[in-house]
Amino acid sequence: MKDWWQVTFPKGRQSITISDAHGYPVQIAYGEIGTGRPLFFLHGMGSWSYNWRHSIQPLSKHFRVICFDAKGYGFSEKPLLRREHSGHQVIEFERIIQSLSDEPVAIVAESLGGLIALALAQEYPQLIARLVVVNVPIFAESLPHWGMSLLAQTPLEVIQAIDTLALANLLAPLVREVMAIERRRVLFDPSVLTQEDVYWMTYPYIELRGTLTKVAEEVQIAVREIENLKANKPNLLSRIQNNLSSIHCPTLVLWGKQDSWFPATHGEKLHQHLPNSRLEILPNCCHDASTGASKVLNAAILEFLQDTQFC
């Protein structure tokens, strides 16, 4: 199988070193293609840059497209000796942007990535010229998937032992089959997911130790956020919700009409709280819009960026 990074980006997979939220240096994997104003893609939980495979080439005809793997995901570094805290991704995303761009950027972010992007727009508004968020868990009241619940309930020490013993590698065919079944559940047309897709989606879990541990850690942070929200304790989720009106950059809210994880009514509610936003409900689209509705998604992104003169 050809290396996806090499096939997709002129310089293949590159890396930068940033200070993470703890102040330690970490390596971040990224790729870029195209010229013009910078357009960053931010993936969701459990994913990596590959999730944007159908959007990179089309939008690179108009923009300098940059895809990166968040710390702990994909091909980026996975520091296992330090536990993460809520909001660390916001700090790290800001440092990634500062390292790769000297001008305000457009961000396209899906699922959990969208939540991080909204927080970033509140904390660092000078960095973001345009914002596109897709199927964001902004009003989530529970974990949407049984696999996440399982990770949330399993001690990290157990998951790290699984990582250390490389059990995912030993059980690679099973891991790929389970991933294929579950990813097809969030697609309107399950047949669009190819065997090559499954190979690359599962690659970090099977080949790169530490991936499962870091994803499980993020899931457990998400659970604490939801629990604190319900208990009226300090949490990042409510802070983002309460400050949505402070986001003034032109924003496009995209939502899958058939999203079973977070209903389209959440998109309508988000749109109502963002003063400079527009909403588009994507037909024949479930939660995984970047895979299942890429053509409609790309057209909506391009039209929005051109309409708002980000060119």
Protein backbone atom coordinates (compact mmCIF):
# COMPACT_ATOMS: atom_id res chain seq x y z
CA MET A 1 0.00 0.00 0.00
CA LYS A 2 1.48 3.37 -1.03
CA ASP A 3 2.15 5.85 1.74
CA TRP A 4 -0.91 8.12 1.94
CA TRP A 5 1.09 11.18 2.94
CA GLN A 6 3.49 10.79 0.01
CA VAL A 7 0.66 10.32 -2.45
CA THR A 8 -1.38 13.25 -1.14
CA PHE A 9 1.12 16.02 -0.40
CA PRO A 10 4.06 17.22 -2.56
CA LYS A 11 6.47 16.99 0.39
CA GLY A 12 4.75 14.01 1.98
CA ARG A 13 4.46 13.94 5.74
CA GLN A 14 6.23 16.80 7.47
CA SER A 15 6.55 17.64 11.15
CA ILE A 16 6.85 20.64 13.41
CA THR A 17 7.73 20.77 17.10
CA ILE A 18 5.53 22.83 19.39
CA SER A 19 5.29 23.21 23.14
CA ASP A 20 2.21 21.36 24.32
CA ALA A 21 -0.17 22.57 27.02
CA HIS A 22 2.24 21.19 29.67
CA GLY A 23 5.16 23.09 28.16
CA TYR A 24 6.88 19.99 26.77
CA PRO A 25 8.05 19.75 23.14
CA VAL A 26 5.94 17.45 20.96
CA GLN A 27 6.13 16.60 17.29
CA ILE A 28 3.07 17.27 15.17
CA ALA A 29 2.62 15.53 11.82
CA TYR A 30 1.16 17.55 8.96
CA GLY A 31 0.95 17.86 5.19
CA GLU A 32 0.24 20.80 2.93
CA ILE A 33 -0.65 21.38 -0.68
CA GLY A 34 -1.74 24.31 -2.82
CA THR A 35 -1.10 28.04 -2.70
CA GLY A 36 -3.05 31.06 -1.56
CA ARG A 37 -4.61 31.83 1.78
CA PRO A 38 -4.21 29.15 4.49
CA LEU A 39 -7.02 26.68 5.07
CA PHE A 40 -6.59 24.33 8.04
CA PHE A 41 -8.48 21.05 8.43
CA LEU A 42 -9.09 19.75 11.95
CA HIS A 43 -10.27 16.15 12.45
CA GLY A 44 -12.57 14.72 15.09
CA MET A 45 -12.03 12.29 17.95
CA GLY A 46 -10.39 9.02 16.98
CA SER A 47 -9.60 10.26 13.47
CA TRP A 48 -6.57 11.83 11.81
CA SER A 49 -5.76 13.80 8.65
CA TYR A 50 -6.89 10.93 6.43
CA ASN A 51 -10.51 11.78 7.24
CA TRP A 52 -10.16 14.82 4.94
CA ARG A 53 -8.92 12.76 1.98
CA HIS A 54 -11.87 13.76 -0.24
CA SER A 55 -11.52 17.49 0.47
CA ILE A 56 -7.77 18.09 0.30
CA GLN A 57 -7.26 17.98 -3.46
CA PRO A 58 -10.43 19.87 -4.51
CA LEU A 59 -9.87 22.74 -2.08
CA SER A 60 -6.11 22.91 -2.69
CA LYS A 61 -6.95 24.30 -6.13
CA HIS A 62 -8.07 27.47 -4.36
CA PHE A 63 -6.17 27.58 -1.04
CA ARG A 64 -3.03 26.53 0.78
CA VAL A 65 -4.51 23.46 2.46
CA ILE A 66 -2.89 22.26 5.68
CA CYS A 67 -3.87 19.00 7.42
CA PHE A 68 -2.38 18.03 10.75
CA ASP A 69 -2.82 15.27 13.30
CA ALA A 70 -3.58 16.59 16.77
CA LYS A 71 -1.24 15.49 19.56
CA GLY A 72 -1.92 11.85 20.39
CA TYR A 73 -3.69 11.16 17.10
CA GLY A 74 -2.58 9.71 13.79
CA PHE A 75 1.14 10.17 13.18
CA SER A 76 1.72 12.90 15.78
CA GLU A 77 3.61 12.23 18.99
CA LYS A 78 1.81 10.38 21.78
CA PRO A 79 3.32 11.31 25.17
CA LEU A 80 2.11 8.58 27.51
CA LEU A 81 3.76 9.69 30.75
CA ARG A 82 1.72 12.89 31.04
CA ARG A 83 -2.02 13.03 31.60
CA GLU A 84 -3.98 15.61 29.59
CA HIS A 85 -6.38 18.21 30.95
CA SER A 86 -9.51 19.66 29.44
CA GLY A 87 -8.81 22.30 26.81
CA HIS A 88 -5.24 21.31 26.03
CA GLN A 89 -6.13 20.99 22.32
CA VAL A 90 -7.10 24.68 22.16
CA ILE A 91 -3.66 25.76 23.37
CA GLU A 92 -1.90 23.33 21.05
CA PHE A 93 -3.98 24.22 17.99
CA GLU A 94 -3.12 27.89 18.52
CA ARG A 95 0.59 27.02 18.57
CA ILE A 96 0.28 24.90 15.43
CA ILE A 97 -1.36 27.75 13.55
CA GLN A 98 1.26 30.22 14.76
CA SER A 99 3.99 27.86 13.57
CA LEU A 100 2.55 27.34 10.09
CA SER A 101 0.90 30.64 9.19
CA ASP A 102 1.76 34.32 9.49
CA GLU A 103 -1.76 35.49 8.62
CA PRO A 104 -5.32 34.78 9.82
CA VAL A 105 -6.57 31.43 8.58
CA ALA A 106 -9.74 29.62 7.62
CA ILE A 107 -10.54 26.55 9.68
CA VAL A 108 -12.70 23.61 8.64
CA ALA A 109 -13.35 21.36 11.64
CA GLU A 110 -15.49 18.28 12.14
CA SER A 111 -17.14 16.81 15.26
CA LEU A 112 -14.89 17.28 18.33
CA GLY A 113 -12.54 19.30 16.13
CA GLY A 114 -15.39 21.75 15.63
CA LEU A 115 -15.76 22.19 19.38
CA ILE A 116 -12.04 22.95 19.67
CA ALA A 117 -12.30 25.40 16.78
CA LEU A 118 -15.16 27.27 18.46
CA ALA A 119 -13.11 27.56 21.66
CA LEU A 120 -10.13 28.75 19.63
CA ALA A 121 -12.24 31.45 17.95
CA GLN A 122 -13.24 32.68 21.42
CA GLU A 123 -9.73 32.61 22.89
CA TYR A 124 -7.71 33.73 19.86
CA PRO A 125 -10.04 35.61 17.51
CA GLN A 126 -7.14 37.32 15.75
CA LEU A 127 -6.01 33.98 14.32
CA ILE A 128 -9.22 33.06 12.52
CA ALA A 129 -10.59 34.82 9.44
CA ARG A 130 -13.28 32.25 8.56
CA LEU A 131 -14.70 29.26 10.38
CA VAL A 132 -16.53 26.16 9.14
CA VAL A 133 -17.78 23.64 11.70
CA VAL A 134 -19.40 20.31 10.88
CA ASN A 135 -21.60 18.17 13.20
CA VAL A 136 -20.23 19.64 16.43
CA PRO A 137 -20.92 18.08 19.88
CA ILE A 138 -21.59 21.55 21.31
CA PHE A 139 -24.82 20.52 23.04
CA ALA A 140 -23.94 16.87 23.73
CA GLU A 141 -25.49 15.34 26.84
CA SER A 142 -23.91 11.89 26.59
CA LEU A 143 -21.36 9.90 24.63
CA PRO A 144 -22.92 8.95 21.28
CA HIS A 145 -21.31 5.53 20.79
CA TRP A 146 -20.93 2.31 22.76
CA GLY A 147 -17.23 2.10 21.90
CA MET A 148 -16.62 5.47 23.52
CA SER A 149 -18.53 4.35 26.62
CA LEU A 150 -16.36 1.24 26.82
CA LEU A 151 -13.17 3.32 26.61
CA ALA A 152 -14.54 5.72 29.21
CA GLN A 153 -15.14 2.91 31.70
CA THR A 154 -11.82 1.10 31.19
CA PRO A 155 -8.89 2.18 33.39
CA LEU A 156 -6.19 3.89 31.33
CA GLU A 157 -3.62 1.52 32.82
CA VAL A 158 -5.44 -1.41 31.20
CA ILE A 159 -5.65 0.33 27.84
CA GLN A 160 -1.99 1.32 28.02
CA ALA A 161 -1.09 -2.32 28.71
CA ILE A 162 -3.02 -3.30 25.57
CA ASP A 163 -1.01 -0.67 23.68
CA THR A 164 2.31 -1.81 25.13
CA LEU A 165 1.62 -5.43 24.24
CA ALA A 166 0.59 -4.36 20.71
CA LEU A 167 -2.57 -6.44 20.95
CA ALA A 168 -4.24 -4.34 18.26
CA ASN A 169 -1.47 -5.39 15.90
CA LEU A 170 -1.90 -9.04 16.81
CA LEU A 171 -5.65 -8.73 16.23
CA ALA A 172 -5.38 -6.50 13.15
CA PRO A 173 -8.02 -8.28 11.02
CA LEU A 174 -10.56 -8.08 13.86
CA VAL A 175 -9.74 -4.43 14.59
CA ARG A 176 -10.24 -3.54 10.94
CA GLU A 177 -13.52 -5.43 10.71
CA VAL A 178 -14.97 -3.81 13.84
CA MET A 179 -13.84 -0.37 12.67
CA ALA A 180 -15.39 -0.95 9.24
CA ILE A 181 -18.73 -1.96 10.76
CA GLU A 182 -18.85 0.99 13.12
CA ARG A 183 -17.71 3.60 10.58
CA ARG A 184 -20.33 2.43 8.11
CA ARG A 185 -22.99 3.08 10.75
CA VAL A 186 -22.30 6.84 10.53
CA LEU A 187 -22.48 6.93 6.72
CA PHE A 188 -25.68 7.49 4.75
CA ASP A 189 -24.31 5.18 2.04
CA PRO A 190 -22.08 2.58 3.78
CA SER A 191 -20.75 1.32 0.43
CA VAL A 192 -18.58 4.43 -0.02
CA LEU A 193 -16.15 3.11 2.61
CA THR A 194 -13.48 1.09 0.79
CA GLN A 195 -11.03 -1.48 2.11
CA GLU A 196 -8.24 1.04 1.57
CA ASP A 197 -10.18 3.50 3.72
CA VAL A 198 -10.46 0.95 6.51
CA TYR A 199 -6.74 0.16 6.26
CA TRP A 200 -5.71 3.79 6.70
CA MET A 201 -8.34 4.67 9.32
CA THR A 202 -7.15 1.85 11.54
CA TYR A 203 -3.42 2.22 10.74
CA PRO A 204 -2.51 4.37 13.78
CA TYR A 205 -4.34 2.00 16.15
CA ILE A 206 -2.65 -1.07 14.72
CA GLU A 207 0.84 0.22 13.91
CA LEU A 208 1.50 3.22 16.19
CA ARG A 209 1.62 2.39 19.89
CA GLY A 210 -0.03 4.86 22.21
CA THR A 211 -2.87 5.82 19.86
CA LEU A 212 -5.55 3.86 21.69
CA THR A 213 -4.38 5.17 25.07
CA LYS A 214 -4.47 8.82 24.02
CA VAL A 215 -7.89 8.49 22.36
CA ALA A 216 -9.25 6.78 25.48
CA GLU A 217 -7.85 9.59 27.58
CA GLU A 218 -9.68 12.16 25.42
CA VAL A 219 -12.92 10.17 25.75
CA GLN A 220 -12.56 10.17 29.53
CA ILE A 221 -12.00 13.93 29.51
CA ALA A 222 -15.18 14.29 27.44
CA VAL A 223 -17.14 12.25 30.00
CA ARG A 224 -15.91 14.45 32.84
CA GLU A 225 -16.90 17.55 30.87
CA ILE A 226 -20.45 16.27 30.36
CA GLU A 227 -20.74 15.20 34.01
CA ASN A 228 -19.50 18.58 35.22
CA LEU A 229 -21.90 20.33 32.87
CA LYS A 230 -24.85 18.43 34.31
CA ALA A 231 -23.66 19.07 37.87
CA ASN A 232 -23.15 22.81 37.24
CA LYS A 233 -19.44 22.48 38.00
CA PRO A 234 -16.78 24.43 36.05
CA ASN A 235 -16.25 22.90 32.61
CA LEU A 236 -15.02 23.85 29.16
CA LEU A 237 -18.24 22.81 27.42
CA SER A 238 -20.46 25.31 29.20
CA ARG A 239 -17.82 28.01 28.84
CA ILE A 240 -17.88 27.56 25.08
CA GLN A 241 -21.70 27.48 25.03
CA ASN A 242 -21.97 30.66 27.10
CA ASN A 243 -19.56 32.61 24.92
CA LEU A 244 -20.77 31.70 21.43
CA SER A 245 -21.98 35.27 20.87
CA SER A 246 -18.38 36.47 21.16
CA ILE A 247 -17.45 34.73 17.88
CA HIS A 248 -17.75 37.39 15.19
CA CYS A 249 -15.80 35.91 12.28
CA PRO A 250 -17.95 34.69 9.37
CA THR A 251 -18.94 31.15 10.30
CA LEU A 252 -20.58 28.34 8.35
CA VAL A 253 -22.42 25.67 10.33
CA LEU A 254 -22.82 22.43 8.36
CA TRP A 255 -24.91 19.55 9.69
CA GLY A 256 -25.87 16.13 8.36
CA LYS A 257 -29.65 15.86 8.12
CA GLN A 258 -29.49 12.21 9.24
CA ASP A 259 -26.80 12.64 11.91
CA SER A 260 -27.84 10.14 14.60
CA TRP A 261 -25.08 11.20 17.02
CA PHE A 262 -25.95 14.89 17.27
CA PRO A 263 -29.28 15.90 15.66
CA ALA A 264 -29.61 18.70 13.12
CA THR A 265 -31.60 20.70 15.69
CA HIS A 266 -28.27 21.21 17.46
CA GLY A 267 -26.98 22.87 14.29
CA GLU A 268 -29.98 25.18 14.20
CA LYS A 269 -29.42 26.10 17.85
CA LEU A 270 -25.71 26.74 17.27
CA HIS A 271 -26.49 28.95 14.29
CA GLN A 272 -28.89 31.02 16.40
CA HIS A 273 -26.14 31.68 18.96
CA LEU A 274 -23.48 32.73 16.43
CA PRO A 275 -24.06 36.34 15.34
CA ASN A 276 -22.27 36.13 11.98
CA SER A 277 -23.18 32.63 10.85
CA ARG A 278 -25.07 30.78 8.19
CA LEU A 279 -26.48 27.26 8.43
CA GLU A 280 -26.66 24.55 5.80
CA ILE A 281 -28.24 21.16 6.45
CA LEU A 282 -26.58 18.51 4.29
CA PRO A 283 -29.03 16.04 2.69
CA ASN A 284 -28.26 12.32 2.67
CA CYS A 285 -25.59 12.83 5.29
CA CYS A 286 -25.02 11.21 8.68
CA HIS A 287 -22.32 12.09 11.23
CA ASP A 288 -19.28 11.38 9.05
CA ALA A 289 -19.80 14.19 6.54
CA SER A 290 -16.19 14.37 5.35
CA THR A 291 -16.44 10.80 4.07
CA GLY A 292 -20.13 10.39 3.29
CA ALA A 293 -21.03 13.76 1.77
CA SER A 294 -17.70 15.14 0.59
CA LYS A 295 -18.89 16.64 -2.70
CA VAL A 296 -21.71 18.60 -1.09
CA LEU A 297 -19.42 19.50 1.81
CA ASN A 298 -16.64 20.78 -0.45
CA ALA A 299 -19.07 22.82 -2.56
CA ALA A 300 -20.56 24.44 0.54
CA ILE A 301 -17.12 25.27 1.96
CA LEU A 302 -15.89 26.77 -1.30
CA GLU A 303 -19.04 28.81 -1.85
CA PHE A 304 -18.89 30.18 1.70
CA LEU A 305 -15.22 31.14 1.49
CA GLN A 306 -15.67 32.79 -1.88
CA ASP A 307 -18.85 34.61 -0.77
CA THR A 308 -17.04 35.98 2.28
CA GLN A 309 -14.04 36.97 0.10
CA PHE A 310 -11.51 34.64 1.68
CA CYS A 311 -9.37 34.35 -1.44
